[in-house]
Protein backbone atom coordinates (compact mmCIF):
# COMPACT_ATOMS: atom_id res chain seq x y z
CA MET A 1 78.83 204.65 21.67
CA GLY A 2 80.13 201.68 19.63
CA LEU A 3 83.06 203.74 18.42
CA PHE A 4 83.84 204.76 21.99
CA LEU A 5 83.90 201.12 23.11
CA LYS A 6 86.18 200.23 20.19
CA ARG A 7 88.61 202.98 21.12
CA PHE A 8 88.47 202.00 24.78
CA LEU A 9 89.33 198.40 23.87
CA ASN A 10 92.23 199.58 21.71
CA ILE A 11 93.67 201.58 24.58
CA PHE A 12 93.11 198.69 26.96
CA VAL A 13 95.04 196.30 24.64
CA ILE A 14 97.93 198.76 24.34
CA LEU A 15 98.18 199.25 28.06
CA THR A 16 98.09 195.49 28.55
CA LEU A 17 100.98 195.09 26.09
CA CYS A 18 102.97 197.70 28.04
CA VAL A 19 102.37 195.90 31.32
CA LEU A 20 103.33 192.50 29.85
CA THR A 21 106.46 193.97 28.32
CA PHE A 22 107.41 195.58 31.63
CA ARG A 23 106.90 192.30 33.48
CA ALA A 24 108.97 190.38 30.93
CA VAL A 25 111.80 192.89 31.13
CA SER A 26 111.60 192.88 34.95
CA GLY A 27 111.87 189.10 34.95
CA GLN A 28 114.90 189.29 32.68
CA LEU A 29 116.52 191.83 35.00
CA VAL A 30 116.03 189.57 38.02
CA PHE A 31 117.51 186.63 36.09
CA ALA A 32 120.38 188.80 34.89
CA GLN A 33 121.04 189.92 38.47
CA VAL A 34 121.30 186.30 39.66
CA THR A 35 123.55 185.40 36.72
CA ASN A 36 125.79 188.41 37.39
CA GLU A 37 126.12 187.46 41.07
CA GLN A 38 127.19 183.94 40.09
CA LYS A 39 129.66 185.34 37.57
CA LEU A 40 131.13 187.74 40.15
CA ALA A 41 131.56 184.89 42.61
CA GLU A 42 133.39 182.82 39.99
CA GLU A 43 135.58 185.78 39.04
CA ARG A 44 136.50 186.39 42.70
CA LEU A 45 137.42 182.72 43.07
CA LEU A 46 139.64 182.78 39.97
CA GLN A 47 141.20 186.07 41.06
CA ARG A 48 142.09 184.65 44.49
CA GLU A 49 143.60 181.61 42.78
CA LEU A 50 145.61 183.87 40.47
CA GLU A 51 146.82 186.04 43.37
CA LYS A 52 147.95 182.91 45.22
CA VAL A 53 149.99 181.74 42.22
CA LEU A 54 151.47 185.22 41.71
CA ALA A 55 152.52 185.27 45.38
CA GLU A 56 154.21 181.89 44.86
CA ILE A 57 156.02 183.33 41.83
CA GLU A 58 157.36 186.23 43.92
CA ALA A 59 158.50 183.79 46.63
CA GLN A 60 160.21 181.66 44.00
CA LYS A 61 162.01 184.73 42.67
CA ALA A 62 163.38 185.34 46.15
CA VAL A 63 164.59 181.72 46.29
CA LEU A 64 166.17 182.16 42.87
CA GLN A 65 167.97 185.34 43.92
CA GLY A 66 169.24 183.63 47.06
CA GLN A 67 170.69 180.80 44.96
CA ARG A 68 172.43 183.28 42.67
CA ASN A 69 174.07 185.00 45.63
CA GLN A 70 175.83 181.77 46.62
CA SER A 71 179.32 180.86 45.46
CA ALA A 72 179.55 179.45 41.94
CA THR A 73 179.31 175.65 41.92
CA ILE A 74 177.64 173.09 39.71
CA GLU A 75 175.25 172.28 42.58
CA ARG A 76 174.34 175.94 42.93
CA ASP A 77 173.63 176.26 39.22
CA ILE A 78 171.50 173.13 39.27
CA SER A 79 169.53 174.67 42.15
CA ILE A 80 169.13 177.88 40.11
CA LEU A 81 167.80 175.91 37.15
CA ASP A 82 165.40 174.05 39.46
CA ALA A 83 164.16 177.41 40.75
CA GLN A 84 163.80 178.77 37.21
CA ILE A 85 161.87 175.70 36.14
CA ARG A 86 159.55 176.05 39.13
CA GLU A 87 159.05 179.76 38.43
CA ALA A 88 158.20 179.07 34.77
CA GLN A 89 155.78 176.33 35.82
CA LEU A 90 154.07 178.74 38.21
CA GLU A 91 153.85 181.32 35.41
CA LEU A 92 152.25 178.64 33.25
CA SER A 93 149.70 178.06 36.01
CA ALA A 94 149.03 181.82 36.27
CA ASN A 95 148.49 182.09 32.52
CA GLY A 96 146.29 179.01 32.66
CA ILE A 97 144.08 180.86 35.14
CA ARG A 98 144.10 183.95 32.90
CA ILE A 99 142.98 181.80 29.98
CA ARG A 100 140.10 180.48 32.09
CA GLN A 101 139.18 184.04 33.04
CA LEU A 102 139.31 185.16 29.43
CA SER A 103 137.31 182.11 28.29
CA ASP A 104 134.65 182.84 30.90
CA ASP A 105 134.66 186.50 29.89
CA ILE A 106 134.29 185.59 26.22
CA THR A 107 131.38 183.26 27.04
CA VAL A 108 129.64 185.94 29.12
CA LYS A 109 130.15 188.60 26.45
CA SER A 110 128.84 186.26 23.73
CA ASN A 111 125.78 185.45 25.84
CA THR A 112 125.28 189.14 26.65
CA ILE A 113 125.35 190.02 22.96
CA SER A 114 122.78 187.30 22.20
CA GLU A 115 120.55 188.50 25.05
CA LEU A 116 120.81 192.12 23.92
CA GLU A 117 119.94 191.17 20.35
CA ASP A 118 116.93 189.18 21.62
CA LYS A 119 115.84 192.14 23.75
CA MET A 120 116.11 194.46 20.76
CA LEU A 121 114.01 192.07 18.69
CA ARG A 122 111.31 191.83 21.38
CA GLN A 123 111.40 195.58 21.94
CA LYS A 124 110.98 196.18 18.20
CA GLU A 125 108.06 193.74 18.06
CA SER A 126 106.42 195.50 21.02
CA LEU A 127 107.09 198.84 19.38
CA GLY A 128 105.49 197.60 16.16
CA SER A 129 102.33 196.58 18.02
CA LEU A 130 102.14 199.94 19.76
CA LEU A 131 102.64 201.79 16.47
CA ARG A 132 99.89 199.82 14.76
CA ARG A 133 97.48 200.64 17.59
CA MET A 134 98.53 204.28 17.56
CA ARG A 135 97.88 204.50 13.81
CA GLU A 136 94.40 203.07 14.35
CA ILE A 137 93.68 205.69 17.00
CA ASP A 138 95.26 208.51 14.96
CA ASP A 139 92.93 207.71 12.06
CA TYR A 140 90.20 209.45 14.03
CA SER A 141 90.13 213.24 14.12
CA THR A 142 89.99 215.20 17.35
CA ILE A 143 86.37 216.18 16.58
CA GLU A 144 85.43 212.50 16.15
CA ILE A 145 87.10 211.60 19.45
CA PHE A 146 85.28 214.45 21.18
CA LEU A 147 81.90 213.51 19.71
CA THR A 148 82.23 209.83 20.74
CA ASN A 149 82.70 210.85 24.40
CA GLN A 150 79.74 211.77 26.55
CA ASN A 151 81.41 214.60 28.41
CA LEU A 152 84.57 216.69 28.51
CA SER A 153 86.02 214.70 31.43
CA GLU A 154 86.11 211.48 29.39
CA PHE A 155 87.54 213.34 26.39
CA PHE A 156 90.48 214.72 28.40
CA LYS A 157 91.12 211.38 30.08
CA GLU A 158 91.42 209.70 26.70
CA SER A 159 93.66 212.49 25.42
CA ASP A 160 95.94 211.98 28.45
CA SER A 161 96.09 208.25 27.65
CA LEU A 162 97.13 209.03 24.09
CA ARG A 163 99.90 211.32 25.32
CA SER A 164 101.10 208.59 27.70
CA LEU A 165 101.22 206.09 24.86
CA LYS A 166 103.25 208.46 22.72
CA ALA A 167 105.67 208.95 25.63
CA SER A 168 105.95 205.16 25.93
CA LEU A 169 106.78 204.95 22.21
CA HIS A 170 109.55 207.50 22.71
CA GLN A 171 110.94 205.49 25.65
CA ASP A 172 110.87 202.30 23.56
CA LEU A 173 112.86 203.99 20.81
CA GLU A 174 115.42 205.22 23.35
CA GLN A 175 115.68 201.71 24.84
CA ILE A 176 116.33 200.19 21.40
CA ALA A 177 119.04 202.78 20.73
CA GLU A 178 120.63 202.01 24.11
CA TYR A 179 120.57 198.24 23.40
CA GLN A 180 122.25 198.88 20.04
CA LYS A 181 124.97 201.00 21.70
CA ILE A 182 125.66 198.41 24.42
CA THR A 183 125.69 195.59 21.85
CA THR A 184 128.33 197.41 19.78
CA GLU A 185 130.46 198.02 22.89
CA GLN A 186 130.17 194.36 23.90
CA LYS A 187 131.24 193.23 20.43
CA VAL A 188 134.37 195.44 20.60
CA ALA A 189 135.15 194.11 24.10
CA LEU A 190 134.64 190.55 22.87
CA GLU A 191 137.13 191.04 20.05
CA MET A 192 139.68 192.49 22.50
CA ALA A 193 139.20 189.51 24.85
CA ARG A 194 139.78 187.09 21.99
CA THR A 195 142.94 188.95 20.98
CA GLN A 196 144.24 188.88 24.56
CA GLN A 197 143.51 185.16 24.72
CA GLU A 198 145.68 184.61 21.64
CA ILE A 199 148.57 186.56 23.17
CA VAL A 200 148.36 184.70 26.49
CA ASN A 201 148.45 181.43 24.52
CA SER A 202 151.59 182.74 22.83
CA GLN A 203 153.11 183.52 26.24
CA ILE A 204 152.27 180.00 27.41
CA ALA A 205 154.19 178.59 24.45
CA THR A 206 157.17 180.81 25.36
CA GLN A 207 157.06 179.68 28.99
CA LYS A 208 156.89 176.02 27.97
CA ASN A 209 159.96 176.56 25.84
CA LYS A 210 161.64 178.25 28.82
CA VAL A 211 160.98 175.17 30.97
CA GLU A 212 162.35 172.92 28.25
CA VAL A 213 165.52 175.03 27.84
CA SER A 214 166.15 175.08 31.60
CA GLN A 215 165.62 171.34 31.85
CA ASN A 216 168.07 170.75 29.01
CA GLN A 217 170.63 173.00 30.69
CA LYS A 218 170.14 171.05 33.91
CA GLU A 219 170.75 167.76 32.11
CA VAL A 220 173.94 169.16 30.58
CA LEU A 221 175.16 170.28 34.00
CA LEU A 222 174.36 166.92 35.55
CA SER A 223 176.19 165.20 32.72
CA GLU A 224 179.22 167.45 33.11
CA SER A 225 179.15 166.90 36.85
CA ARG A 226 179.14 163.12 36.40
CA ASN A 227 181.72 162.94 33.66
CA GLN A 228 184.00 165.67 35.01
CA GLU A 229 185.21 166.24 31.44
CA LYS A 230 185.66 169.92 32.12
CA THR A 231 186.66 171.84 35.15
CA TYR A 232 183.96 174.05 36.56
CA GLU A 233 186.13 177.06 35.87
CA GLN A 234 185.96 176.24 32.16
CA ILE A 235 182.18 175.96 32.32
CA VAL A 236 181.95 179.35 34.04
CA ALA A 237 184.28 180.88 31.46
CA GLU A 238 182.12 179.58 28.60
CA ARG A 239 179.02 180.97 30.23
CA GLU A 240 180.60 184.34 30.76
CA ALA A 241 181.52 184.41 27.07
CA ARG A 242 177.92 183.57 26.15
CA ALA A 243 176.63 186.28 28.50
CA ALA A 244 179.01 188.79 26.95
CA GLN A 245 177.72 187.82 23.50
CA ILE A 246 174.12 188.48 24.56
CA ARG A 247 174.97 191.78 26.22
CA SER A 248 176.94 193.00 23.20
CA ALA A 249 174.09 192.38 20.75
CA LEU A 250 172.98 195.62 19.08
CA PHE A 251 169.91 197.35 20.49
CA SER A 252 168.53 199.78 17.90
CA LEU A 253 167.33 203.21 18.98
CA ARG A 254 165.37 205.72 16.96
CA ASP A 255 166.99 208.99 15.84
CA THR A 256 170.08 208.55 18.04
CA GLY A 257 173.13 206.29 18.27
CA ASP A 258 172.51 202.57 18.85
CA ILE A 259 173.64 200.93 22.08
CA ASN A 260 174.17 197.29 23.01
CA PHE A 261 171.59 195.10 24.73
CA GLY A 262 173.51 195.08 28.01
CA GLN A 263 173.54 198.88 28.15
CA ALA A 264 169.84 199.02 27.29
CA LEU A 265 169.03 196.50 30.04
CA ASP A 266 171.08 198.47 32.57
CA LEU A 267 169.19 201.67 31.69
CA ALA A 268 165.85 199.86 31.90
CA ARG A 269 166.73 198.49 35.35
CA ILE A 270 167.71 201.97 36.54
CA ALA A 271 164.35 203.26 35.34
CA GLU A 272 162.62 200.30 37.02
CA LYS A 273 163.92 201.40 40.43
CA GLY A 274 162.19 204.77 40.08
CA THR A 275 158.99 203.65 38.36
CA GLY A 276 158.37 199.94 38.93
CA VAL A 277 157.97 199.30 35.19
CA ARG A 278 159.26 195.89 34.09
CA PRO A 279 162.52 196.22 32.07
CA ALA A 280 161.42 193.79 29.33
CA PHE A 281 158.21 195.77 28.83
CA LEU A 282 160.04 199.12 28.65
CA LEU A 283 162.57 197.72 26.16
CA ALA A 284 159.69 196.33 24.09
CA ILE A 285 158.14 199.83 23.87
CA ILE A 286 161.48 201.32 22.77
CA THR A 287 161.93 198.50 20.23
CA GLN A 288 158.44 199.04 18.84
CA GLU A 289 159.09 202.77 18.43
CA SER A 290 162.38 201.99 16.66
CA ASN A 291 160.56 199.58 14.34
CA LEU A 292 157.96 202.23 13.54
CA GLY A 293 160.77 204.69 12.81
CA GLN A 294 162.32 202.32 10.30
CA HIS A 295 158.94 201.88 8.62
CA VAL A 296 157.80 205.53 8.58
CA GLY A 297 161.18 207.24 8.42
CA SER A 298 162.51 210.37 10.10
CA CYS A 299 162.18 214.04 9.25
CA VAL A 300 163.92 217.35 9.87
CA ILE A 301 162.23 220.73 10.15
CA ALA A 302 161.85 222.47 6.79
CA ASP A 303 160.03 225.61 8.00
CA LEU A 304 160.46 227.05 11.50
CA THR A 305 157.27 229.08 11.15
CA SER A 306 154.71 226.60 9.76
CA GLY A 307 156.21 223.45 11.25
CA ALA A 308 156.52 221.71 7.88
CA THR A 309 159.08 218.89 7.87
CA LYS A 310 161.03 216.99 5.22
CA GLY A 311 161.81 213.28 5.01
CA VAL A 312 165.51 212.60 5.56
CA ASN A 313 165.63 209.73 3.08
CA THR A 314 162.87 210.73 0.65
CA GLY A 315 162.96 214.53 0.64
CA LYS A 316 159.15 214.53 0.83
CA VAL A 317 157.76 217.67 2.48
CA PHE A 318 154.99 217.26 5.09
CA SER A 319 152.86 220.35 5.68
CA ASN A 320 151.53 218.67 8.85
CA GLY A 321 155.06 217.94 10.09
CA ILE A 322 154.83 219.52 13.56
CA HIS A 323 151.83 221.15 15.23
CA PRO A 324 152.60 224.87 14.73
CA THR A 325 151.21 226.16 18.04
CA ARG A 326 151.12 223.19 20.41
CA ASP A 327 154.55 221.67 19.72
CA LEU A 328 156.76 223.81 17.46
CA PRO A 329 157.59 226.57 20.00
CA THR A 330 158.29 223.97 22.72
CA LEU A 331 160.50 221.97 20.36
CA GLN A 332 162.57 225.04 19.55
CA THR A 333 162.95 225.80 23.27
CA VAL A 334 164.14 222.24 23.98
CA LEU A 335 166.62 222.37 21.08
CA ALA A 336 167.94 225.77 22.21
CA GLN A 337 168.52 224.46 25.76
CA LEU A 338 170.42 221.47 24.36
CA GLY A 339 172.36 223.50 21.80
CA ARG A 340 171.02 221.45 18.88
CA ASP A 341 170.41 222.74 15.36
CA PRO A 342 166.63 222.77 14.74
CA LEU A 343 167.17 222.25 11.01
CA GLU A 344 169.37 219.18 11.52
CA THR A 345 167.71 217.40 14.46
CA ARG A 346 165.61 214.39 13.52
CA VAL A 347 162.00 214.01 14.62
CA SER A 348 159.22 211.67 13.53
CA CYS A 349 157.42 212.16 10.23
CA PRO A 350 153.60 212.28 10.35
CA ILE A 351 151.78 209.04 9.54
CA GLY A 352 149.54 209.89 6.59
CA ASP A 353 147.57 213.11 6.24
CA VAL A 354 145.86 212.91 9.64
CA GLY A 355 147.62 214.25 12.72
CA TYR A 356 151.15 215.52 13.15
CA GLY A 357 154.69 214.22 13.57
CA GLY A 358 157.47 215.88 15.53
CA ALA A 359 158.00 213.19 18.19
CA MET A 360 161.50 213.18 19.65
CA GLY A 361 164.11 210.53 20.34
CA PRO A 362 163.92 206.80 21.14
CA ALA A 363 160.79 207.15 23.34
CA GLN A 364 159.00 209.33 20.75
CA PHE A 365 157.59 212.05 23.01
CA ILE A 366 155.91 214.96 21.27
CA PRO A 367 157.36 218.27 22.59
CA SER A 368 154.24 219.29 24.56
CA THR A 369 154.23 215.95 26.42
CA TRP A 370 158.00 216.08 26.98
CA ALA A 371 157.57 219.49 28.65
CA MET A 372 155.34 217.81 31.28
CA TYR A 373 157.93 215.10 32.03
CA SER A 374 161.32 216.78 31.62
CA LEU A 375 161.65 217.88 35.27
CA ARG A 376 160.63 214.42 36.51
CA VAL A 377 163.18 212.87 34.16
CA SER A 378 165.86 215.16 35.60
CA GLY A 379 164.87 213.92 39.06
CA VAL A 380 165.50 210.31 37.97
CA THR A 381 168.65 210.72 35.86
CA GLY A 382 170.18 213.97 37.17
CA SER A 383 170.31 215.44 33.65
CA ASN A 384 169.68 219.18 33.56
CA PRO A 385 168.15 219.81 31.15
CA ALA A 386 166.80 216.39 30.30
CA ASN A 387 167.53 215.30 26.73
CA PRO A 388 164.85 213.33 24.80
CA TRP A 389 167.55 212.06 22.39
CA SER A 390 169.66 210.65 25.24
CA PRO A 391 169.06 206.91 25.81
CA ARG A 392 169.26 207.35 29.59
CA ASP A 393 166.76 210.24 29.68
CA SER A 394 164.41 208.79 27.06
CA PHE A 395 164.26 205.44 28.89
CA ALA A 396 163.41 207.24 32.13
CA ALA A 397 160.75 209.39 30.41
CA SER A 398 159.12 206.39 28.76
CA SER A 399 159.17 204.45 32.04
CA LEU A 400 157.60 207.37 33.95
CA PHE A 401 154.87 207.76 31.33
CA LEU A 402 154.15 204.01 31.29
CA SER A 403 154.01 203.98 35.09
CA ASP A 404 151.46 206.81 34.99
CA LEU A 405 149.45 204.68 32.54
CA GLY A 406 149.39 201.77 35.01
CA ALA A 407 152.25 199.56 33.76
CA SER A 408 153.88 199.53 37.21
CA ARG A 409 151.21 197.02 38.28
CA ARG A 410 153.18 194.58 36.08
CA THR A 411 150.14 192.46 35.18
CA TYR A 412 149.43 191.40 31.62
CA ASP A 413 146.24 193.48 31.38
CA ALA A 414 147.88 196.57 32.90
CA GLU A 415 150.86 196.42 30.51
CA TRP A 416 148.61 195.78 27.50
CA GLU A 417 146.44 198.80 28.26
CA ALA A 418 149.46 200.99 29.04
CA ALA A 419 151.02 200.11 25.66
CA ALA A 420 147.78 200.85 23.83
CA ARG A 421 147.41 204.21 25.60
CA TYR A 422 151.10 205.04 25.02
CA TYR A 423 150.51 204.83 21.28
CA ALA A 424 146.89 205.92 20.77
CA GLY A 425 145.92 208.02 23.79
CA GLY A 426 142.14 208.28 24.06
CA GLY A 427 141.64 205.98 21.08
CA TRP A 428 143.55 203.10 22.70
CA GLN A 429 140.65 200.63 22.60
CA THR A 430 140.64 200.65 18.79
CA ARG A 431 143.77 202.26 17.31
CA GLY A 432 146.09 200.93 20.03
CA VAL A 433 145.18 197.23 19.75
CA ASN A 434 147.76 196.15 17.16
CA TYR A 435 150.49 198.24 18.81
CA ALA A 436 149.83 196.70 22.23
CA ASN A 437 149.72 193.17 20.81
CA SER A 438 153.08 193.69 19.11
CA VAL A 439 154.65 195.18 22.25
CA LEU A 440 153.57 192.27 24.46
CA ASN A 441 154.98 189.75 21.98
CA ILE A 442 158.28 191.65 21.82
CA ALA A 443 158.33 191.86 25.64
CA ALA A 444 157.98 188.06 25.90
CA ASN A 445 161.01 187.56 23.63
CA ILE A 446 163.08 190.17 25.49
CA GLN A 447 162.12 188.60 28.83
CA ALA A 448 163.40 185.27 27.52
CA GLN A 449 166.74 186.96 26.67
CA ILE A 450 166.92 188.52 30.13
CA ASP A 451 166.13 185.18 31.78
CA SER A 452 168.79 183.49 29.68
CA LEU A 453 171.30 186.18 30.60
CA ASP A 454 170.45 185.90 34.31
CA ALA A 455 170.83 182.12 34.12
CA LEU A 456 174.32 182.47 32.65
């Protein structure tokens, strides 16, 4: 009978631990619910503030366009610079709100990670207590358990309790595994938020410089207006010369002839009309692909059966040059339609031993993806068939793809994710991070060039 009482007390203690653990976790869930509601309210407030500023930016753009449509005078250009300064200041305000959002997000994620780690620790401690009690109970054989009970009913009740405890142990182990998974995901998200915060800070620096440049230009105009040392016609002529210089700057394209910046901007604006993708962002993607091409190099097909390719500059043969079933037949069809020699046409080399190359033209579409977009490209550009090595068609294809990935929303987050997905597909949250960061930095510089060109 003494042994029975001992075992009963052991079971009672274990059940008590389970109840206390459940109550503690329930309390944490209630607290977490309240905290989440407060956080959501703060996020909605910041989002409304951001939307208000973005609406002001759009209104300011309309004012700016109205000023540009007026006849050329010093007063008009001063008004344009005032509008540009106001627009840049509003963009600074918008990025200031984004920084606050990111800072709040980083704080929440850091706190969440700490809470999850604390929960895992408590869950492990609870699990340890349950395991110790289970070992004590398991030290007794089934015959001993049966003999310590007065009847079969009590024996089966205790056996059911033991099975319940073992099920609880299994649930605890699953909960710990889930906490570990969520913690890892939160740490990845935290790192991404910190990276985005750095890029927004970089954009703020660019916008501050934009305000400073516009203010300096305004001072020069005011000075020229006061001194009347030059006729306004001379000022306009100088600006037109500067604009021509910017437009004539070389814009490098991968595996096709280079064009000038003005031509590239015109193509990007044509694509914008059909897709809504910001020209500076599209040009940044094309620039990034060109940069990758210079780093990795280009290849030509060495074997039309296996898909092996050969480096144009190095002569190195890549057995994983082009996917032999997914892309090689489509590539040969595209080349036949365009009348291009498959053994002379440049495609991308594979990066390392993992994956394949074979991407085509400035936008770097693999043949199987190009097949899904070629008809849509023809609808935008009128080319039939569409040509992935043509700047006009490749710009349209890239813009369509980026629009499908969400870049037409034209927000920082949407463009960042679209760039990451453009490069890494399903692995965008890890392999696409550096690519997206680089693209957004390039886009900020290109946007500054476009703004400068528009001001001239």
